[in-house]
Amino acid sequence: MRALRRLLVAVASLGVTAALAAVGWQRIQAKRVAVAEGRVRLNELLPVHSKWWRDAAKDPGELLYVAIGDSAAQGIGASAPKNSYVGVIADHLRAVTGRTVRVVNLSVSGATVALAVADQLPRFASLQPDIVTVSIGANDIAAFDPARFREGMRKVFAAVPDHTIVADLPYFYLPWNERKVAEGNRILEEEAASRGLTVVPLHETMRREGLRGAFTQFAEDLFHPNDRGYRVWASAFLPAVTARARSLFPRTGEAAEQEEALSA
């Protein structure tokens, strides 16, 4: 009888384990489907965001802010294009300078460094921006080629003014990607240093967010940031952006105090 009981208990345990495994598998599959559907929905927004930024570039401003980048600069994953890190930076510039800001967002979703050289730099050449941000290279990580990456970064940095603000590569969470990101950031920092450009710590800013960032700061495709994530991206830029804005429009008295509060 004892042997029979043990057998029955074992069979019951196996049944419970199998049932839990089946539920877990169903949830995994449902999540995969949701992520795939989210990726499709966000892809459908690519032309919407692109048109929004083209239209925004027609608005005049006392300050000209130009962004070079990829889908993150476009704001894919945000609730609206203006909530990308580029939009957050533009709003910050308006607040700390008290000036109107024209934003020319040259970014293209899916852009690699080589594509930015081929497409964005020719359009950049005719502009004389007061503020420039560059965040490019994340799309190079999947098929990372260090020599090609260095060559492309060198061309990008040669084409931008000395006051350009460059973000290092974002945090990728997964160790096998992070190894490539570390090499990419070493190259990026070396090439930026050779031009005397300011590099802001996007990677470390994201990394400090930890698991909270992984669970709360990504859009439905689990790749692009959401509104919260883009505010984190913007926070990596803002100290350098504020310093550049101060150099253009020094402020004193009450205005300076308000600027300090916004930068904190």
C-alpha atoms as a PDB file:
ATOM      1  CA  MET A   1       0.000   0.000   0.000  1.00  0.00           C
ATOM      2  CA  ARG A   2       2.812   2.419   0.854  1.00  0.00           C
ATOM      3  CA  ALA A   3       4.403   1.781  -2.498  1.00  0.00           C
ATOM      4  CA  LEU A   4       1.077   2.416  -4.212  1.00  0.00           C
ATOM      5  CA  ARG A   5       0.642   5.698  -2.304  1.00  0.00           C
ATOM      6  CA  ARG A   6       4.104   6.849  -3.254  1.00  0.00           C
ATOM      7  CA  LEU A   7       3.341   6.001  -6.859  1.00  0.00           C
ATOM      8  CA  LEU A   8       0.062   7.923  -6.762  1.00  0.00           C
ATOM      9  CA  VAL A   9       1.747  10.947  -5.144  1.00  0.00           C
ATOM     10  CA  ALA A  10       4.478  10.886  -7.783  1.00  0.00           C
ATOM     11  CA  VAL A  11       1.915  10.662 -10.587  1.00  0.00           C
ATOM     12  CA  ALA A  12      -0.068  13.536  -9.066  1.00  0.00           C
ATOM     13  CA  SER A  13       3.093  15.652  -8.726  1.00  0.00           C
ATOM     14  CA  LEU A  14       3.987  14.997 -12.324  1.00  0.00           C
ATOM     15  CA  GLY A  15       0.484  16.026 -13.354  1.00  0.00           C
ATOM     16  CA  VAL A  16       0.706  19.310 -11.446  1.00  0.00           C
ATOM     17  CA  THR A  17       4.166  19.999 -12.879  1.00  0.00           C
ATOM     18  CA  ALA A  18       2.956  19.270 -16.392  1.00  0.00           C
ATOM     19  CA  ALA A  19      -0.079  21.529 -15.914  1.00  0.00           C
ATOM     20  CA  LEU A  20       2.092  24.396 -14.623  1.00  0.00           C
ATOM     21  CA  ALA A  21       4.514  23.915 -17.490  1.00  0.00           C
ATOM     22  CA  ALA A  22       1.636  24.023 -19.967  1.00  0.00           C
ATOM     23  CA  VAL A  23       0.322  27.269 -18.440  1.00  0.00           C
ATOM     24  CA  GLY A  24       3.830  28.751 -18.483  1.00  0.00           C
ATOM     25  CA  TRP A  25       4.335  27.757 -22.105  1.00  0.00           C
ATOM     26  CA  GLN A  26       0.992  29.271 -23.073  1.00  0.00           C
ATOM     27  CA  ARG A  27       1.971  32.544 -21.405  1.00  0.00           C
ATOM     28  CA  ILE A  28       5.323  32.570 -23.191  1.00  0.00           C
ATOM     29  CA  GLN A  29       3.640  31.957 -26.512  1.00  0.00           C
ATOM     30  CA  ALA A  30       1.057  34.661 -25.814  1.00  0.00           C
ATOM     31  CA  LYS A  31       3.846  37.102 -24.958  1.00  0.00           C
ATOM     32  CA  ARG A  32       5.682  36.250 -28.178  1.00  0.00           C
ATOM     33  CA  VAL A  33       2.531  36.889 -30.172  1.00  0.00           C
ATOM     34  CA  ALA A  34       1.950  40.198 -28.362  1.00  0.00           C
ATOM     35  CA  VAL A  35       5.523  41.339 -29.020  1.00  0.00           C
ATOM     36  CA  ALA A  36       5.256  40.368 -32.698  1.00  0.00           C
ATOM     37  CA  GLU A  37       1.968  42.250 -33.014  1.00  0.00           C
ATOM     38  CA  GLY A  38       3.512  45.221 -31.224  1.00  0.00           C
ATOM     39  CA  ARG A  39       6.416  45.211 -33.655  1.00  0.00           C
ATOM     40  CA  VAL A  40       3.978  45.312 -36.572  1.00  0.00           C
ATOM     41  CA  ARG A  41       2.003  48.178 -35.016  1.00  0.00           C
ATOM     42  CA  LEU A  42       5.138  50.231 -34.404  1.00  0.00           C
ATOM     43  CA  ASN A  43       6.407  49.570 -37.930  1.00  0.00           C
ATOM     44  CA  GLU A  44       3.164  51.010 -39.244  1.00  0.00           C
ATOM     45  CA  LEU A  45       3.978  54.227 -37.372  1.00  0.00           C
ATOM     46  CA  LEU A  46       7.328  54.783 -39.113  1.00  0.00           C
ATOM     47  CA  PRO A  47       5.911  57.006 -41.899  1.00  0.00           C
ATOM     48  CA  VAL A  48       3.669  58.807 -39.400  1.00  0.00           C
ATOM     49  CA  HIS A  49       6.613  59.840 -37.230  1.00  0.00           C
ATOM     50  CA  SER A  50       8.736  60.729 -40.229  1.00  0.00           C
ATOM     51  CA  LYS A  51       6.054  63.050 -41.606  1.00  0.00           C
ATOM     52  CA  TRP A  52       5.516  64.628 -38.189  1.00  0.00           C
ATOM     53  CA  TRP A  53       9.175  65.614 -37.952  1.00  0.00           C
ATOM     54  CA  ARG A  54       9.273  66.883 -41.546  1.00  0.00           C
ATOM     55  CA  ASP A  55       6.295  69.094 -40.783  1.00  0.00           C
ATOM     56  CA  ALA A  56       7.828  70.236 -37.476  1.00  0.00           C
ATOM     57  CA  ALA A  57      11.000  71.318 -39.296  1.00  0.00           C
ATOM     58  CA  LYS A  58       8.950  73.944 -41.155  1.00  0.00           C
ATOM     59  CA  ASP A  59       8.235  75.836 -37.933  1.00  0.00           C
ATOM     60  CA  PRO A  60      10.693  78.717 -37.487  1.00  0.00           C
ATOM     61  CA  GLY A  61      12.750  79.273 -34.356  1.00  0.00           C
ATOM     62  CA  GLU A  62      15.408  81.530 -32.926  1.00  0.00           C
ATOM     63  CA  LEU A  63      17.505  78.453 -32.157  1.00  0.00           C
ATOM     64  CA  LEU A  64      18.175  75.621 -34.602  1.00  0.00           C
ATOM     65  CA  TYR A  65      18.464  72.145 -33.089  1.00  0.00           C
ATOM     66  CA  VAL A  66      19.490  69.333 -35.461  1.00  0.00           C
ATOM     67  CA  ALA A  67      19.389  65.636 -34.542  1.00  0.00           C
ATOM     68  CA  ILE A  68      21.234  62.817 -36.316  1.00  0.00           C
ATOM     69  CA  GLY A  69      20.068  59.339 -35.392  1.00  0.00           C
ATOM     70  CA  ASP A  70      17.793  56.366 -35.916  1.00  0.00           C
ATOM     71  CA  SER A  71      14.328  55.250 -34.800  1.00  0.00           C
ATOM     72  CA  ALA A  72      14.970  56.377 -31.220  1.00  0.00           C
ATOM     73  CA  ALA A  73      15.383  59.959 -32.418  1.00  0.00           C
ATOM     74  CA  GLN A  74      12.177  59.500 -34.417  1.00  0.00           C
ATOM     75  CA  GLY A  75      10.429  58.468 -31.200  1.00  0.00           C
ATOM     76  CA  ILE A  76       9.221  55.046 -32.295  1.00  0.00           C
ATOM     77  CA  GLY A  77       7.591  53.497 -29.229  1.00  0.00           C
ATOM     78  CA  ALA A  78       6.581  56.833 -27.699  1.00  0.00           C
ATOM     79  CA  SER A  79       2.938  57.828 -27.398  1.00  0.00           C
ATOM     80  CA  ALA A  80       3.658  60.701 -29.832  1.00  0.00           C
ATOM     81  CA  PRO A  81       6.743  61.763 -31.858  1.00  0.00           C
ATOM     82  CA  LYS A  82       7.233  64.827 -29.654  1.00  0.00           C
ATOM     83  CA  ASN A  83       7.849  62.486 -26.698  1.00  0.00           C
ATOM     84  CA  SER A  84      11.069  61.114 -28.201  1.00  0.00           C
ATOM     85  CA  TYR A  85      14.299  62.180 -26.538  1.00  0.00           C
ATOM     86  CA  VAL A  86      14.670  64.759 -29.337  1.00  0.00           C
ATOM     87  CA  GLY A  87      11.310  66.281 -28.413  1.00  0.00           C
ATOM     88  CA  VAL A  88      12.176  66.317 -24.713  1.00  0.00           C
ATOM     89  CA  ILE A  89      15.503  68.042 -25.457  1.00  0.00           C
ATOM     90  CA  ALA A  90      13.749  70.622 -27.665  1.00  0.00           C
ATOM     91  CA  ASP A  91      11.265  71.437 -24.884  1.00  0.00           C
ATOM     92  CA  HIS A  92      14.144  71.744 -22.421  1.00  0.00           C
ATOM     93  CA  LEU A  93      15.932  74.178 -24.728  1.00  0.00           C
ATOM     94  CA  ARG A  94      12.821  76.337 -24.970  1.00  0.00           C
ATOM     95  CA  ALA A  95      12.508  76.365 -21.190  1.00  0.00           C
ATOM     96  CA  VAL A  96      16.123  77.167 -20.312  1.00  0.00           C
ATOM     97  CA  THR A  97      16.709  79.756 -23.045  1.00  0.00           C
ATOM     98  CA  GLY A  98      13.299  81.378 -23.279  1.00  0.00           C
ATOM     99  CA  ARG A  99      13.710  81.229 -27.082  1.00  0.00           C
ATOM    100  CA  THR A 100      11.751  79.535 -29.811  1.00  0.00           C
ATOM    101  CA  VAL A 101      13.419  76.404 -31.202  1.00  0.00           C
ATOM    102  CA  ARG A 102      13.288  74.997 -34.709  1.00  0.00           C
ATOM    103  CA  VAL A 103      13.927  71.255 -34.744  1.00  0.00           C
ATOM    104  CA  VAL A 104      15.327  69.530 -37.825  1.00  0.00           C
ATOM    105  CA  ASN A 105      15.290  65.824 -37.089  1.00  0.00           C
ATOM    106  CA  LEU A 106      17.376  64.158 -39.806  1.00  0.00           C
ATOM    107  CA  SER A 107      17.079  60.715 -38.236  1.00  0.00           C
ATOM    108  CA  VAL A 108      15.818  57.707 -40.178  1.00  0.00           C
ATOM    109  CA  SER A 109      14.331  54.601 -38.582  1.00  0.00           C
ATOM    110  CA  GLY A 110      16.623  51.622 -39.010  1.00  0.00           C
ATOM    111  CA  ALA A 111      19.653  53.769 -39.794  1.00  0.00           C
ATOM    112  CA  THR A 112      23.111  52.341 -39.243  1.00  0.00           C
ATOM    113  CA  VAL A 113      26.214  54.521 -39.065  1.00  0.00           C
ATOM    114  CA  ALA A 114      26.895  53.880 -42.765  1.00  0.00           C
ATOM    115  CA  LEU A 115      23.338  54.852 -43.712  1.00  0.00           C
ATOM    116  CA  ALA A 116      23.591  58.024 -41.626  1.00  0.00           C
ATOM    117  CA  VAL A 117      26.750  58.928 -43.554  1.00  0.00           C
ATOM    118  CA  ALA A 118      25.033  58.285 -46.893  1.00  0.00           C
ATOM    119  CA  ASP A 119      21.678  59.922 -46.156  1.00  0.00           C
ATOM    120  CA  GLN A 120      21.789  62.259 -43.152  1.00  0.00           C
ATOM    121  CA  LEU A 121      25.175  63.951 -43.564  1.00  0.00           C
ATOM    122  CA  PRO A 122      24.407  65.355 -47.059  1.00  0.00           C
ATOM    123  CA  ARG A 123      21.248  66.971 -45.637  1.00  0.00           C
ATOM    124  CA  PHE A 124      23.160  68.200 -42.598  1.00  0.00           C
ATOM    125  CA  ALA A 125      25.779  69.988 -44.730  1.00  0.00           C
ATOM    126  CA  SER A 126      23.474  72.887 -45.638  1.00  0.00           C
ATOM    127  CA  LEU A 127      22.470  73.618 -42.027  1.00  0.00           C
ATOM    128  CA  GLN A 128      24.081  75.858 -39.419  1.00  0.00           C
ATOM    129  CA  PRO A 129      22.718  74.493 -36.146  1.00  0.00           C
ATOM    130  CA  ASP A 130      23.124  75.960 -32.676  1.00  0.00           C
ATOM    131  CA  ILE A 131      22.599  72.563 -31.031  1.00  0.00           C
ATOM    132  CA  VAL A 132      23.479  69.168 -32.533  1.00  0.00           C
ATOM    133  CA  THR A 133      22.883  65.748 -31.024  1.00  0.00           C
ATOM    134  CA  VAL A 134      24.103  62.463 -32.469  1.00  0.00           C
ATOM    135  CA  SER A 135      22.866  59.070 -31.326  1.00  0.00           C
ATOM    136  CA  ILE A 136      23.655  56.449 -33.933  1.00  0.00           C
ATOM    137  CA  GLY A 137      25.137  52.962 -33.960  1.00  0.00           C
ATOM    138  CA  ALA A 138      22.641  50.787 -32.084  1.00  0.00           C
ATOM    139  CA  ASN A 139      21.522  49.177 -35.342  1.00  0.00           C
ATOM    140  CA  ASP A 140      25.126  48.210 -36.101  1.00  0.00           C
ATOM    141  CA  ILE A 141      25.341  45.852 -33.130  1.00  0.00           C
ATOM    142  CA  ALA A 142      23.485  42.892 -34.683  1.00  0.00           C
ATOM    143  CA  ALA A 143      26.173  42.466 -37.371  1.00  0.00           C
ATOM    144  CA  PHE A 144      28.946  44.409 -35.680  1.00  0.00           C
ATOM    145  CA  ASP A 145      32.030  45.126 -37.787  1.00  0.00           C
ATOM    146  CA  PRO A 146      34.540  47.172 -35.741  1.00  0.00           C
ATOM    147  CA  ALA A 147      36.500  48.490 -38.719  1.00  0.00           C
ATOM    148  CA  ARG A 148      33.387  49.563 -40.607  1.00  0.00           C
ATOM    149  CA  PHE A 149      31.913  51.076 -37.442  1.00  0.00           C
ATOM    150  CA  ARG A 150      35.067  53.125 -36.807  1.00  0.00           C
ATOM    151  CA  GLU A 151      35.191  54.341 -40.398  1.00  0.00           C
ATOM    152  CA  GLY A 152      31.563  55.441 -40.267  1.00  0.00           C
ATOM    153  CA  MET A 153      31.890  57.175 -36.906  1.00  0.00           C
ATOM    154  CA  ARG A 154      34.962  59.001 -38.130  1.00  0.00           C
ATOM    155  CA  LYS A 155      32.974  60.345 -41.111  1.00  0.00           C
ATOM    156  CA  VAL A 156      30.035  61.392 -38.940  1.00  0.00           C
ATOM    157  CA  PHE A 157      32.262  63.209 -36.456  1.00  0.00           C
ATOM    158  CA  ALA A 158      34.243  64.913 -39.215  1.00  0.00           C
ATOM    159  CA  ALA A 159      31.022  66.413 -40.599  1.00  0.00           C
ATOM    160  CA  VAL A 160      29.588  67.926 -37.408  1.00  0.00           C
ATOM    161  CA  PRO A 161      30.619  71.105 -35.553  1.00  0.00           C
ATOM    162  CA  ASP A 162      32.809  71.156 -32.462  1.00  0.00           C
ATOM    163  CA  HIS A 163      29.868  71.780 -30.135  1.00  0.00           C
ATOM    164  CA  THR A 164      28.081  68.542 -31.170  1.00  0.00           C
ATOM    165  CA  ILE A 165      26.809  66.373 -28.315  1.00  0.00           C
ATOM    166  CA  VAL A 166      27.242  62.641 -28.925  1.00  0.00           C
ATOM    167  CA  ALA A 167      25.578  59.795 -27.012  1.00  0.00           C
ATOM    168  CA  ASP A 168      27.427  56.545 -26.539  1.00  0.00           C
ATOM    169  CA  LEU A 169      25.608  53.336 -27.482  1.00  0.00           C
ATOM    170  CA  PRO A 170      22.587  52.376 -25.362  1.00  0.00           C
ATOM    171  CA  TYR A 171      22.474  49.566 -22.826  1.00  0.00           C
ATOM    172  CA  PHE A 172      21.467  46.262 -24.449  1.00  0.00           C
ATOM    173  CA  TYR A 173      20.950  44.170 -21.265  1.00  0.00           C
ATOM    174  CA  LEU A 174      21.995  40.844 -22.881  1.00  0.00           C
ATOM    175  CA  PRO A 175      25.646  39.861 -22.236  1.00  0.00           C
ATOM    176  CA  TRP A 176      26.420  38.752 -25.799  1.00  0.00           C
ATOM    177  CA  ASN A 177      25.247  42.113 -27.120  1.00  0.00           C
ATOM    178  CA  GLU A 178      26.898  44.054 -24.327  1.00  0.00           C
ATOM    179  CA  ARG A 179      30.310  42.704 -25.320  1.00  0.00           C
ATOM    180  CA  LYS A 180      29.864  44.230 -28.778  1.00  0.00           C
ATOM    181  CA  VAL A 181      28.458  47.426 -27.290  1.00  0.00           C
ATOM    182  CA  ALA A 182      31.536  47.788 -25.081  1.00  0.00           C
ATOM    183  CA  GLU A 183      33.802  47.580 -28.115  1.00  0.00           C
ATOM    184  CA  GLY A 184      31.573  49.959 -30.062  1.00  0.00           C
ATOM    185  CA  ASN A 185      31.636  52.496 -27.246  1.00  0.00           C
ATOM    186  CA  ARG A 186      35.410  52.283 -26.994  1.00  0.00           C
ATOM    187  CA  ILE A 187      35.651  53.087 -30.708  1.00  0.00           C
ATOM    188  CA  LEU A 188      33.048  55.841 -30.461  1.00  0.00           C
ATOM    189  CA  GLU A 189      34.814  57.514 -27.538  1.00  0.00           C
ATOM    190  CA  GLU A 190      38.197  57.344 -29.257  1.00  0.00           C
ATOM    191  CA  GLU A 191      36.880  58.919 -32.445  1.00  0.00           C
ATOM    192  CA  ALA A 192      34.913  61.578 -30.559  1.00  0.00           C
ATOM    193  CA  ALA A 193      37.978  62.441 -28.467  1.00  0.00           C
ATOM    194  CA  SER A 194      40.047  62.906 -31.611  1.00  0.00           C
ATOM    195  CA  ARG A 195      37.559  65.632 -32.623  1.00  0.00           C
ATOM    196  CA  GLY A 196      37.126  67.049 -29.128  1.00  0.00           C
ATOM    197  CA  LEU A 197      33.410  66.243 -29.071  1.00  0.00           C
ATOM    198  CA  THR A 198      31.365  65.850 -25.901  1.00  0.00           C
ATOM    199  CA  VAL A 199      30.163  62.263 -25.261  1.00  0.00           C
ATOM    200  CA  VAL A 200      27.225  61.819 -22.895  1.00  0.00           C
ATOM    201  CA  PRO A 201      26.697  58.594 -20.883  1.00  0.00           C
ATOM    202  CA  LEU A 202      23.528  57.102 -22.377  1.00  0.00           C
ATOM    203  CA  HIS A 203      24.735  53.551 -21.691  1.00  0.00           C
ATOM    204  CA  GLU A 204      25.414  54.140 -18.005  1.00  0.00           C
ATOM    205  CA  THR A 205      22.236  56.189 -17.580  1.00  0.00           C
ATOM    206  CA  MET A 206      20.179  53.262 -18.876  1.00  0.00           C
ATOM    207  CA  ARG A 207      22.186  50.658 -16.970  1.00  0.00           C
ATOM    208  CA  ARG A 208      21.535  52.445 -13.662  1.00  0.00           C
ATOM    209  CA  GLU A 209      17.797  51.973 -14.211  1.00  0.00           C
ATOM    210  CA  GLY A 210      18.312  48.211 -13.766  1.00  0.00           C
ATOM    211  CA  LEU A 211      15.366  45.819 -13.832  1.00  0.00           C
ATOM    212  CA  ARG A 212      12.955  48.688 -13.290  1.00  0.00           C
ATOM    213  CA  GLY A 213      14.041  50.058 -16.649  1.00  0.00           C
ATOM    214  CA  ALA A 214      13.706  46.676 -18.327  1.00  0.00           C
ATOM    215  CA  PHE A 215      10.109  46.271 -17.134  1.00  0.00           C
ATOM    216  CA  THR A 216       8.793  49.850 -17.298  1.00  0.00           C
ATOM    217  CA  GLN A 217      10.716  51.769 -19.966  1.00  0.00           C
ATOM    218  CA  PHE A 218      10.182  49.784 -23.160  1.00  0.00           C
ATOM    219  CA  ALA A 219       7.415  49.841 -25.735  1.00  0.00           C
ATOM    220  CA  GLU A 220       5.305  46.866 -26.755  1.00  0.00           C
ATOM    221  CA  ASP A 221       7.981  45.506 -29.107  1.00  0.00           C
ATOM    222  CA  LEU A 222      10.404  45.235 -26.135  1.00  0.00           C
ATOM    223  CA  PHE A 223      13.049  47.063 -28.192  1.00  0.00           C
ATOM    224  CA  HIS A 224      12.167  50.738 -28.509  1.00  0.00           C
ATOM    225  CA  PRO A 225      11.755  52.950 -25.433  1.00  0.00           C
ATOM    226  CA  ASN A 226       8.360  54.183 -24.316  1.00  0.00           C
ATOM    227  CA  ASP A 227       7.712  57.707 -22.990  1.00  0.00           C
ATOM    228  CA  ARG A 228       9.450  56.886 -19.692  1.00  0.00           C
ATOM    229  CA  GLY A 229      12.387  55.361 -21.502  1.00  0.00           C
ATOM    230  CA  TYR A 230      12.792  58.399 -23.737  1.00  0.00           C
ATOM    231  CA  ARG A 231      12.865  60.685 -20.712  1.00  0.00           C
ATOM    232  CA  VAL A 232      15.734  58.569 -19.385  1.00  0.00           C
ATOM    233  CA  TRP A 233      17.509  58.918 -22.747  1.00  0.00           C
ATOM    234  CA  ALA A 234      16.988  62.684 -22.679  1.00  0.00           C
ATOM    235  CA  SER A 235      18.350  62.916 -19.129  1.00  0.00           C
ATOM    236  CA  ALA A 236      21.717  61.656 -20.395  1.00  0.00           C
ATOM    237  CA  PHE A 237      21.876  64.610 -22.808  1.00  0.00           C
ATOM    238  CA  LEU A 238      20.446  67.413 -20.684  1.00  0.00           C
ATOM    239  CA  PRO A 239      23.519  68.496 -18.672  1.00  0.00           C
ATOM    240  CA  ALA A 240      25.551  68.941 -21.873  1.00  0.00           C
ATOM    241  CA  VAL A 241      22.590  70.515 -23.684  1.00  0.00           C
ATOM    242  CA  THR A 242      22.128  72.974 -20.832  1.00  0.00           C
ATOM    243  CA  ALA A 243      25.826  73.873 -20.878  1.00  0.00           C
ATOM    244  CA  ARG A 244      25.637  74.548 -24.614  1.00  0.00           C
ATOM    245  CA  ALA A 245      22.479  76.634 -24.174  1.00  0.00           C
ATOM    246  CA  ARG A 246      24.183  78.684 -21.442  1.00  0.00           C
ATOM    247  CA  SER A 247      27.106  79.397 -23.739  1.00  0.00           C
ATOM    248  CA  LEU A 248      24.701  80.720 -26.367  1.00  0.00           C
ATOM    249  CA  PHE A 249      22.407  82.673 -24.063  1.00  0.00           C
ATOM    250  CA  PRO A 250      23.936  83.414 -20.642  1.00  0.00           C
ATOM    251  CA  ARG A 251      21.222  84.103 -18.081  1.00  0.00           C
ATOM    252  CA  THR A 252      21.426  85.918 -14.776  1.00  0.00           C
ATOM    253  CA  GLY A 253      19.276  86.548 -11.731  1.00  0.00           C
ATOM    254  CA  GLU A 254      15.866  84.882 -11.499  1.00  0.00           C
ATOM    255  CA  ALA A 255      16.157  83.333 -14.978  1.00  0.00           C
ATOM    256  CA  ALA A 256      19.388  81.631 -13.954  1.00  0.00           C
ATOM    257  CA  GLU A 257      17.762  80.219 -10.825  1.00  0.00           C
ATOM    258  CA  GLN A 258      14.901  78.807 -12.886  1.00  0.00           C
ATOM    259  CA  GLU A 259      17.406  77.254 -15.282  1.00  0.00           C
ATOM    260  CA  GLU A 260      19.247  75.586 -12.403  1.00  0.00           C
ATOM    261  CA  ALA A 261      15.965  74.120 -11.168  1.00  0.00           C
ATOM    262  CA  LEU A 262      15.136  72.704 -14.613  1.00  0.00           C
ATOM    263  CA  SER A 263      18.577  71.141 -14.930  1.00  0.00           C
ATOM    264  CA  ALA A 264      18.497  69.467 -11.516  1.00  0.00           C
END
